């Protein structure tokens, strides 16, 4: 899993190999069940997530209380 993330980070970030290794050494790989909410509207993020497999939907709640999808990503 770390090799996969290493490849992604080399392609999509400005970090050098040493910086990538420092990041990877601190990572905790977690699996979340479907419909898990990682961050609620108004909360301050204290974690950074890298989605390696599955899908993620980013949404907000409008003034009428309805969910409005902002982004949807699916990764095999």
N, C-alpha and C. Protein backbone atom coordinates (compact mmCIF):
# COMPACT_ATOMS: atom_id res chain seq x y z
N UNK A 1 0.83 -1.19 0.00
CA UNK A 1 0.00 0.00 0.00
C UNK A 1 0.87 1.25 0.00
N UNK A 2 1.95 1.23 0.80
CA UNK A 2 2.83 2.40 0.84
C UNK A 2 3.51 2.65 -0.50
N UNK A 3 3.84 1.59 -1.24
CA UNK A 3 4.46 1.77 -2.56
C UNK A 3 3.48 2.45 -3.51
N UNK A 4 2.23 2.05 -3.44
CA UNK A 4 1.19 2.67 -4.28
C UNK A 4 1.09 4.16 -3.96
N UNK A 5 1.03 4.49 -2.69
CA UNK A 5 0.95 5.89 -2.28
C UNK A 5 2.22 6.64 -2.64
N UNK A 6 3.37 5.99 -2.50
CA UNK A 6 4.64 6.59 -2.89
C UNK A 6 4.60 6.99 -4.36
N UNK A 7 4.13 6.10 -5.22
CA UNK A 7 4.03 6.40 -6.65
C UNK A 7 3.10 7.58 -6.91
N UNK A 8 1.97 7.60 -6.23
CA UNK A 8 1.02 8.71 -6.40
C UNK A 8 1.65 10.03 -5.96
N UNK A 9 2.32 10.02 -4.82
CA UNK A 9 2.92 11.25 -4.30
C UNK A 9 4.04 11.75 -5.21
N UNK A 10 4.83 10.84 -5.79
CA UNK A 10 5.89 11.27 -6.70
C UNK A 10 5.31 11.94 -7.94
N UNK A 11 4.17 11.46 -8.40
CA UNK A 11 3.56 12.03 -9.61
C UNK A 11 2.81 13.33 -9.36
N UNK A 12 2.22 13.48 -8.17
CA UNK A 12 1.26 14.57 -7.95
C UNK A 12 1.63 15.57 -6.86
N UNK A 13 2.81 15.44 -6.28
CA UNK A 13 3.21 16.41 -5.25
C UNK A 13 4.62 16.93 -5.54
N UNK A 14 4.98 18.06 -4.96
CA UNK A 14 6.33 18.59 -5.17
C UNK A 14 7.36 18.00 -4.21
N UNK A 15 6.96 17.03 -3.37
CA UNK A 15 7.87 16.48 -2.37
C UNK A 15 8.99 15.67 -3.00
N UNK A 16 10.19 15.76 -2.39
CA UNK A 16 11.29 14.91 -2.84
C UNK A 16 11.18 13.55 -2.15
N UNK A 17 12.04 12.61 -2.52
CA UNK A 17 11.94 11.23 -2.00
C UNK A 17 12.08 11.17 -0.48
N UNK A 18 12.98 11.97 0.08
CA UNK A 18 13.16 11.98 1.54
C UNK A 18 11.89 12.47 2.24
N UNK A 19 11.29 13.52 1.72
CA UNK A 19 10.05 14.05 2.31
C UNK A 19 8.92 13.03 2.20
N UNK A 20 8.83 12.37 1.06
CA UNK A 20 7.79 11.35 0.88
C UNK A 20 7.98 10.23 1.90
N UNK A 21 9.20 9.78 2.09
CA UNK A 21 9.46 8.71 3.06
C UNK A 21 9.11 9.13 4.48
N UNK A 22 9.39 10.38 4.83
CA UNK A 22 9.02 10.88 6.16
C UNK A 22 7.52 10.86 6.35
N UNK A 23 6.79 11.26 5.31
CA UNK A 23 5.32 11.23 5.37
C UNK A 23 4.83 9.80 5.50
N UNK A 24 5.34 8.90 4.65
CA UNK A 24 4.90 7.51 4.67
C UNK A 24 5.18 6.83 6.01
N UNK A 25 6.27 7.21 6.66
CA UNK A 25 6.60 6.63 7.96
C UNK A 25 5.60 7.02 9.04
N UNK A 26 4.89 8.11 8.85
CA UNK A 26 3.92 8.58 9.84
C UNK A 26 2.49 8.15 9.52
N UNK A 27 2.28 7.57 8.35
CA UNK A 27 0.92 7.21 7.92
C UNK A 27 0.34 6.06 8.71
N UNK A 28 -0.95 6.13 8.91
CA UNK A 28 -1.72 5.03 9.46
C UNK A 28 -2.75 4.67 8.40
N UNK A 29 -2.70 3.44 7.90
CA UNK A 29 -3.65 3.00 6.88
C UNK A 29 -4.92 2.53 7.58
N UNK A 30 -6.05 3.09 7.17
CA UNK A 30 -7.33 2.73 7.76
C UNK A 30 -8.32 2.39 6.66
N UNK A 31 -9.25 1.53 6.98
CA UNK A 31 -10.35 1.21 6.08
C UNK A 31 -11.63 1.67 6.75
N UNK A 32 -12.47 2.37 6.00
CA UNK A 32 -13.72 2.88 6.54
C UNK A 32 -14.90 2.21 5.85
N UNK A 33 -15.95 1.91 6.60
CA UNK A 33 -17.14 1.34 5.97
C UNK A 33 -17.88 2.39 5.14
N UNK A 34 -18.73 1.91 4.23
CA UNK A 34 -19.54 2.82 3.42
C UNK A 34 -20.30 3.79 4.31
N UNK A 35 -20.49 4.99 3.80
CA UNK A 35 -21.27 6.06 4.43
C UNK A 35 -20.59 6.68 5.66
N UNK A 36 -19.31 6.38 5.87
CA UNK A 36 -18.58 7.01 6.97
C UNK A 36 -18.39 8.49 6.66
N UNK A 37 -18.69 9.34 7.60
CA UNK A 37 -18.47 10.78 7.45
C UNK A 37 -17.12 11.11 8.06
N UNK A 38 -16.21 11.61 7.24
CA UNK A 38 -14.86 11.93 7.71
C UNK A 38 -14.78 13.31 8.35
N UNK A 39 -15.58 14.23 7.87
CA UNK A 39 -15.56 15.60 8.39
C UNK A 39 -16.93 16.21 8.18
N UNK A 40 -17.49 16.76 9.25
CA UNK A 40 -18.80 17.39 9.15
C UNK A 40 -18.65 18.88 8.88
N UNK A 41 -19.67 19.44 8.24
CA UNK A 41 -19.68 20.86 7.92
C UNK A 41 -19.46 21.67 9.19
N UNK A 42 -18.52 22.60 9.13
CA UNK A 42 -18.22 23.46 10.27
C UNK A 42 -17.07 22.95 11.14
N UNK A 43 -16.72 21.67 11.01
CA UNK A 43 -15.60 21.13 11.77
C UNK A 43 -14.27 21.54 11.13
N UNK A 44 -13.24 21.60 11.94
CA UNK A 44 -11.90 21.90 11.44
C UNK A 44 -11.16 20.58 11.26
N UNK A 45 -10.59 20.38 10.08
CA UNK A 45 -9.88 19.14 9.77
C UNK A 45 -8.62 19.03 10.61
N UNK A 46 -8.42 17.88 11.22
CA UNK A 46 -7.19 17.61 11.98
C UNK A 46 -6.42 16.44 11.36
N UNK A 47 -6.97 15.86 10.31
CA UNK A 47 -6.32 14.75 9.61
C UNK A 47 -6.29 15.04 8.12
N UNK A 48 -5.39 14.36 7.44
CA UNK A 48 -5.31 14.42 5.99
C UNK A 48 -5.57 13.01 5.48
N UNK A 49 -6.48 12.85 4.54
CA UNK A 49 -6.84 11.53 4.03
C UNK A 49 -6.40 11.37 2.59
N UNK A 50 -5.84 10.21 2.28
CA UNK A 50 -5.52 9.81 0.92
C UNK A 50 -6.41 8.63 0.60
N UNK A 51 -7.31 8.79 -0.34
CA UNK A 51 -8.19 7.69 -0.72
C UNK A 51 -7.48 6.86 -1.77
N UNK A 52 -7.23 5.59 -1.45
CA UNK A 52 -6.50 4.71 -2.36
C UNK A 52 -7.43 3.79 -3.13
N UNK A 53 -8.61 3.54 -2.58
CA UNK A 53 -9.56 2.64 -3.23
C UNK A 53 -10.95 2.97 -2.71
N UNK A 54 -11.92 2.95 -3.60
CA UNK A 54 -13.30 3.21 -3.20
C UNK A 54 -13.79 4.53 -3.76
N UNK A 55 -14.78 5.10 -3.11
CA UNK A 55 -15.31 6.38 -3.59
C UNK A 55 -15.50 7.32 -2.41
N UNK A 56 -15.51 8.58 -2.75
CA UNK A 56 -15.71 9.61 -1.74
C UNK A 56 -16.59 10.69 -2.35
N UNK A 57 -17.51 11.17 -1.55
CA UNK A 57 -18.41 12.23 -2.00
C UNK A 57 -18.26 13.41 -1.05
N UNK A 58 -18.02 14.56 -1.63
CA UNK A 58 -17.93 15.79 -0.85
C UNK A 58 -19.24 16.54 -1.08
N UNK A 59 -19.88 16.92 0.01
CA UNK A 59 -21.15 17.63 -0.14
C UNK A 59 -21.31 18.68 0.95
N UNK A 60 -22.26 19.56 0.74
CA UNK A 60 -22.60 20.58 1.72
C UNK A 60 -24.11 20.52 1.94
N UNK A 61 -24.58 21.16 2.97
CA UNK A 61 -26.01 21.23 3.26
C UNK A 61 -26.46 22.65 2.91
N UNK A 62 -27.46 22.75 2.02
CA UNK A 62 -27.92 24.08 1.61
C UNK A 62 -28.88 24.67 2.65
N UNK A 63 -29.38 25.86 2.37
CA UNK A 63 -30.26 26.55 3.31
C UNK A 63 -31.57 25.82 3.55
N UNK A 64 -31.96 24.96 2.61
CA UNK A 64 -33.19 24.17 2.75
C UNK A 64 -32.95 22.85 3.49
N UNK A 65 -31.70 22.61 3.92
CA UNK A 65 -31.37 21.39 4.63
C UNK A 65 -31.11 20.20 3.74
N UNK A 66 -30.94 20.43 2.44
CA UNK A 66 -30.70 19.34 1.50
C UNK A 66 -29.22 19.23 1.18
N UNK A 67 -28.77 17.97 0.96
CA UNK A 67 -27.38 17.73 0.58
C UNK A 67 -27.16 18.14 -0.87
N UNK A 68 -26.08 18.88 -1.12
CA UNK A 68 -25.70 19.28 -2.46
C UNK A 68 -24.29 18.74 -2.70
N UNK A 69 -24.15 17.82 -3.66
CA UNK A 69 -22.86 17.22 -3.95
C UNK A 69 -21.95 18.23 -4.63
N UNK A 70 -20.74 18.36 -4.10
CA UNK A 70 -19.73 19.27 -4.65
C UNK A 70 -18.75 18.49 -5.52
N UNK A 71 -18.38 17.29 -5.06
CA UNK A 71 -17.42 16.48 -5.80
C UNK A 71 -17.68 15.01 -5.50
N UNK A 72 -17.42 14.16 -6.49
CA UNK A 72 -17.57 12.72 -6.34
C UNK A 72 -16.41 12.06 -7.06
N UNK A 73 -15.69 11.18 -6.38
CA UNK A 73 -14.53 10.52 -6.96
C UNK A 73 -14.61 9.03 -6.68
N UNK A 74 -14.28 8.23 -7.70
CA UNK A 74 -14.25 6.77 -7.56
C UNK A 74 -12.88 6.27 -7.98
N UNK A 75 -12.26 5.48 -7.12
CA UNK A 75 -10.93 4.93 -7.41
C UNK A 75 -10.99 3.41 -7.30
N UNK A 76 -10.48 2.72 -8.33
CA UNK A 76 -10.46 1.25 -8.30
C UNK A 76 -9.28 0.75 -7.53
